[in-house]
Amino acid sequence: MAEENKDKKTVIDHCPHCGHKLSPWQQVLLSVDRALMCKNCWYRIILDDIEKSPPKNNLSKEEDKKEE
């Protein structure tokens, strides 16, 4: 059971919006609270949204299929 939880955790070390590096303490807060405000760009980082979004590679393939 502990192994399943390790696989599901998403580790983010930078802001997905501006790329600003998160401190180790901010990473801990993000893993516990699942949401954090970036101090650099004030973007709200929500882990649940990041985990649910499809990978970027899949988006480009789907767009290519729609254009054909």
N, C-alpha and C. Protein backbone atom coordinates (compact mmCIF):
# COMPACT_ATOMS: atom_id res chain seq x y z
N MET A 1 0.82 -1.19 0.00
CA MET A 1 0.00 0.00 0.00
C MET A 1 0.87 1.26 0.00
N ALA A 2 1.96 1.24 0.74
CA ALA A 2 2.86 2.39 0.76
C ALA A 2 3.49 2.61 -0.61
N GLU A 3 3.75 1.51 -1.33
CA GLU A 3 4.34 1.63 -2.66
C GLU A 3 3.38 2.29 -3.63
N GLU A 4 2.08 2.04 -3.50
CA GLU A 4 1.10 2.66 -4.38
C GLU A 4 1.06 4.16 -4.18
N ASN A 5 1.16 4.63 -2.95
CA ASN A 5 1.14 6.06 -2.67
C ASN A 5 2.37 6.75 -3.23
N LYS A 6 3.52 6.09 -3.21
CA LYS A 6 4.74 6.67 -3.75
C LYS A 6 4.61 6.87 -5.26
N ASP A 7 3.98 5.94 -5.95
CA ASP A 7 3.82 6.04 -7.39
C ASP A 7 2.89 7.17 -7.79
N LYS A 8 1.88 7.46 -6.99
CA LYS A 8 0.87 8.45 -7.34
C LYS A 8 1.30 9.88 -7.04
N LYS A 9 2.35 10.08 -6.22
CA LYS A 9 2.76 11.42 -5.85
C LYS A 9 3.44 12.11 -7.02
N THR A 10 3.05 13.34 -7.25
CA THR A 10 3.67 14.16 -8.28
C THR A 10 4.59 15.16 -7.61
N VAL A 11 5.84 15.16 -8.00
CA VAL A 11 6.81 16.07 -7.42
C VAL A 11 7.04 17.21 -8.41
N ILE A 12 6.80 18.42 -7.94
CA ILE A 12 7.01 19.60 -8.78
C ILE A 12 8.07 20.45 -8.11
N ASP A 13 9.13 20.78 -8.84
CA ASP A 13 10.20 21.59 -8.25
C ASP A 13 10.27 22.99 -8.84
N HIS A 14 9.33 23.30 -9.75
CA HIS A 14 9.28 24.64 -10.33
C HIS A 14 7.84 25.00 -10.68
N CYS A 15 7.58 26.27 -10.84
CA CYS A 15 6.24 26.75 -11.21
C CYS A 15 5.98 26.38 -12.67
N PRO A 16 4.83 25.74 -12.96
CA PRO A 16 4.54 25.38 -14.35
C PRO A 16 4.23 26.59 -15.23
N HIS A 17 3.95 27.73 -14.61
CA HIS A 17 3.60 28.94 -15.36
C HIS A 17 4.84 29.75 -15.75
N CYS A 18 5.71 30.06 -14.76
CA CYS A 18 6.86 30.92 -15.03
C CYS A 18 8.20 30.19 -14.94
N GLY A 19 8.21 28.97 -14.39
CA GLY A 19 9.44 28.20 -14.30
C GLY A 19 10.30 28.53 -13.08
N HIS A 20 9.80 29.38 -12.18
CA HIS A 20 10.53 29.76 -10.97
C HIS A 20 10.74 28.53 -10.09
N LYS A 21 11.97 28.33 -9.59
CA LYS A 21 12.27 27.15 -8.77
C LYS A 21 11.62 27.30 -7.40
N LEU A 22 10.94 26.23 -6.96
CA LEU A 22 10.31 26.21 -5.65
C LEU A 22 11.33 25.74 -4.61
N SER A 23 11.27 26.35 -3.44
CA SER A 23 12.17 25.94 -2.36
C SER A 23 11.73 24.58 -1.84
N PRO A 24 12.63 23.87 -1.14
CA PRO A 24 12.23 22.58 -0.56
C PRO A 24 11.02 22.71 0.36
N TRP A 25 10.94 23.80 1.10
CA TRP A 25 9.81 24.00 2.00
C TRP A 25 8.51 24.19 1.21
N GLN A 26 8.56 24.93 0.11
CA GLN A 26 7.39 25.11 -0.74
C GLN A 26 6.95 23.78 -1.35
N GLN A 27 7.90 22.93 -1.70
CA GLN A 27 7.57 21.61 -2.25
C GLN A 27 6.84 20.76 -1.22
N VAL A 28 7.27 20.85 0.04
CA VAL A 28 6.60 20.11 1.11
C VAL A 28 5.18 20.63 1.29
N LEU A 29 5.03 21.95 1.33
CA LEU A 29 3.70 22.54 1.48
C LEU A 29 2.78 22.14 0.33
N LEU A 30 3.31 22.12 -0.87
CA LEU A 30 2.53 21.75 -2.03
C LEU A 30 2.10 20.29 -1.96
N SER A 31 2.97 19.43 -1.48
CA SER A 31 2.61 18.01 -1.39
C SER A 31 1.56 17.76 -0.31
N VAL A 32 1.54 18.59 0.73
CA VAL A 32 0.57 18.42 1.81
C VAL A 32 -0.75 19.10 1.49
N ASP A 33 -0.68 20.36 1.09
CA ASP A 33 -1.89 21.16 0.85
C ASP A 33 -2.48 20.98 -0.54
N ARG A 34 -1.67 20.47 -1.48
CA ARG A 34 -2.08 20.24 -2.87
C ARG A 34 -2.29 21.54 -3.64
N ALA A 35 -2.01 22.71 -3.02
CA ALA A 35 -2.13 24.00 -3.71
C ALA A 35 -1.11 24.96 -3.12
N LEU A 36 -0.56 25.83 -3.97
CA LEU A 36 0.45 26.79 -3.52
C LEU A 36 0.44 27.97 -4.48
N MET A 37 0.73 29.16 -3.97
CA MET A 37 0.81 30.36 -4.80
C MET A 37 2.29 30.63 -5.10
N CYS A 38 2.63 30.77 -6.36
CA CYS A 38 4.01 31.07 -6.76
C CYS A 38 4.34 32.49 -6.32
N LYS A 39 5.47 32.67 -5.64
CA LYS A 39 5.87 34.00 -5.17
C LYS A 39 6.36 34.89 -6.31
N ASN A 40 6.75 34.29 -7.41
CA ASN A 40 7.31 35.06 -8.52
C ASN A 40 6.21 35.65 -9.41
N CYS A 41 5.25 34.83 -9.84
CA CYS A 41 4.24 35.30 -10.79
C CYS A 41 2.82 35.28 -10.21
N TRP A 42 2.65 34.84 -8.98
CA TRP A 42 1.36 34.77 -8.29
C TRP A 42 0.40 33.81 -8.96
N TYR A 43 0.93 32.82 -9.66
CA TYR A 43 0.13 31.77 -10.28
C TYR A 43 -0.24 30.75 -9.21
N ARG A 44 -1.48 30.30 -9.19
CA ARG A 44 -1.92 29.32 -8.20
C ARG A 44 -1.65 27.92 -8.75
N ILE A 45 -0.74 27.20 -8.12
CA ILE A 45 -0.36 25.85 -8.51
C ILE A 45 -1.26 24.88 -7.75
N ILE A 46 -2.03 24.09 -8.48
CA ILE A 46 -2.93 23.11 -7.87
C ILE A 46 -2.54 21.74 -8.40
N LEU A 47 -2.06 20.88 -7.51
CA LEU A 47 -1.58 19.56 -7.94
C LEU A 47 -2.66 18.70 -8.56
N ASP A 48 -3.89 18.80 -8.09
CA ASP A 48 -4.97 17.97 -8.64
C ASP A 48 -5.18 18.28 -10.12
N ASP A 49 -5.07 19.55 -10.51
CA ASP A 49 -5.22 19.92 -11.91
C ASP A 49 -4.07 19.40 -12.76
N ILE A 50 -2.87 19.44 -12.20
CA ILE A 50 -1.69 18.99 -12.93
C ILE A 50 -1.74 17.48 -13.15
N GLU A 51 -2.17 16.74 -12.14
CA GLU A 51 -2.24 15.29 -12.26
C GLU A 51 -3.33 14.84 -13.22
N LYS A 52 -4.42 15.59 -13.34
CA LYS A 52 -5.53 15.21 -14.21
C LYS A 52 -5.31 15.60 -15.66
N SER A 53 -4.47 16.60 -15.91
CA SER A 53 -4.27 17.06 -17.27
C SER A 53 -3.48 16.02 -18.06
N PRO A 54 -3.84 15.84 -19.34
CA PRO A 54 -3.12 14.86 -20.16
C PRO A 54 -1.71 15.36 -20.47
N PRO A 55 -0.77 14.47 -20.71
CA PRO A 55 0.59 14.89 -21.07
C PRO A 55 0.58 15.74 -22.33
N LYS A 56 1.56 16.63 -22.45
CA LYS A 56 1.62 17.54 -23.60
C LYS A 56 1.78 16.79 -24.91
N ASN A 57 2.46 15.66 -24.89
CA ASN A 57 2.65 14.87 -26.11
C ASN A 57 1.31 14.40 -26.67
N ASN A 58 0.38 14.01 -25.81
CA ASN A 58 -0.92 13.54 -26.25
C ASN A 58 -1.74 14.67 -26.86
N LEU A 59 -1.60 15.88 -26.36
CA LEU A 59 -2.37 17.00 -26.89
C LEU A 59 -2.00 17.27 -28.34
N SER A 60 -0.72 17.26 -28.66
CA SER A 60 -0.33 17.57 -30.03
C SER A 60 -0.81 16.47 -30.99
N LYS A 61 -0.81 15.22 -30.57
CA LYS A 61 -1.27 14.13 -31.43
C LYS A 61 -2.77 14.24 -31.68
N GLU A 62 -3.53 14.62 -30.65
CA GLU A 62 -4.98 14.76 -30.83
C GLU A 62 -5.31 15.93 -31.76
N GLU A 63 -4.55 17.02 -31.63
CA GLU A 63 -4.78 18.17 -32.50
C GLU A 63 -4.47 17.83 -33.94
N ASP A 64 -3.41 17.04 -34.17
CA ASP A 64 -3.07 16.64 -35.53
C ASP A 64 -4.18 15.81 -36.15
N LYS A 65 -4.80 14.93 -35.36
CA LYS A 65 -5.87 14.08 -35.88
C LYS A 65 -7.10 14.91 -36.23
N LYS A 66 -7.38 15.95 -35.45
CA LYS A 66 -8.55 16.80 -35.72
C LYS A 66 -8.37 17.59 -37.00
N GLU A 67 -7.13 18.02 -37.29
CA GLU A 67 -6.87 18.80 -38.48
C GLU A 67 -7.02 17.98 -39.76
N GLU A 68 -6.76 16.66 -39.67
CA GLU A 68 -6.87 15.80 -40.85
C GLU A 68 -8.28 15.56 -41.16
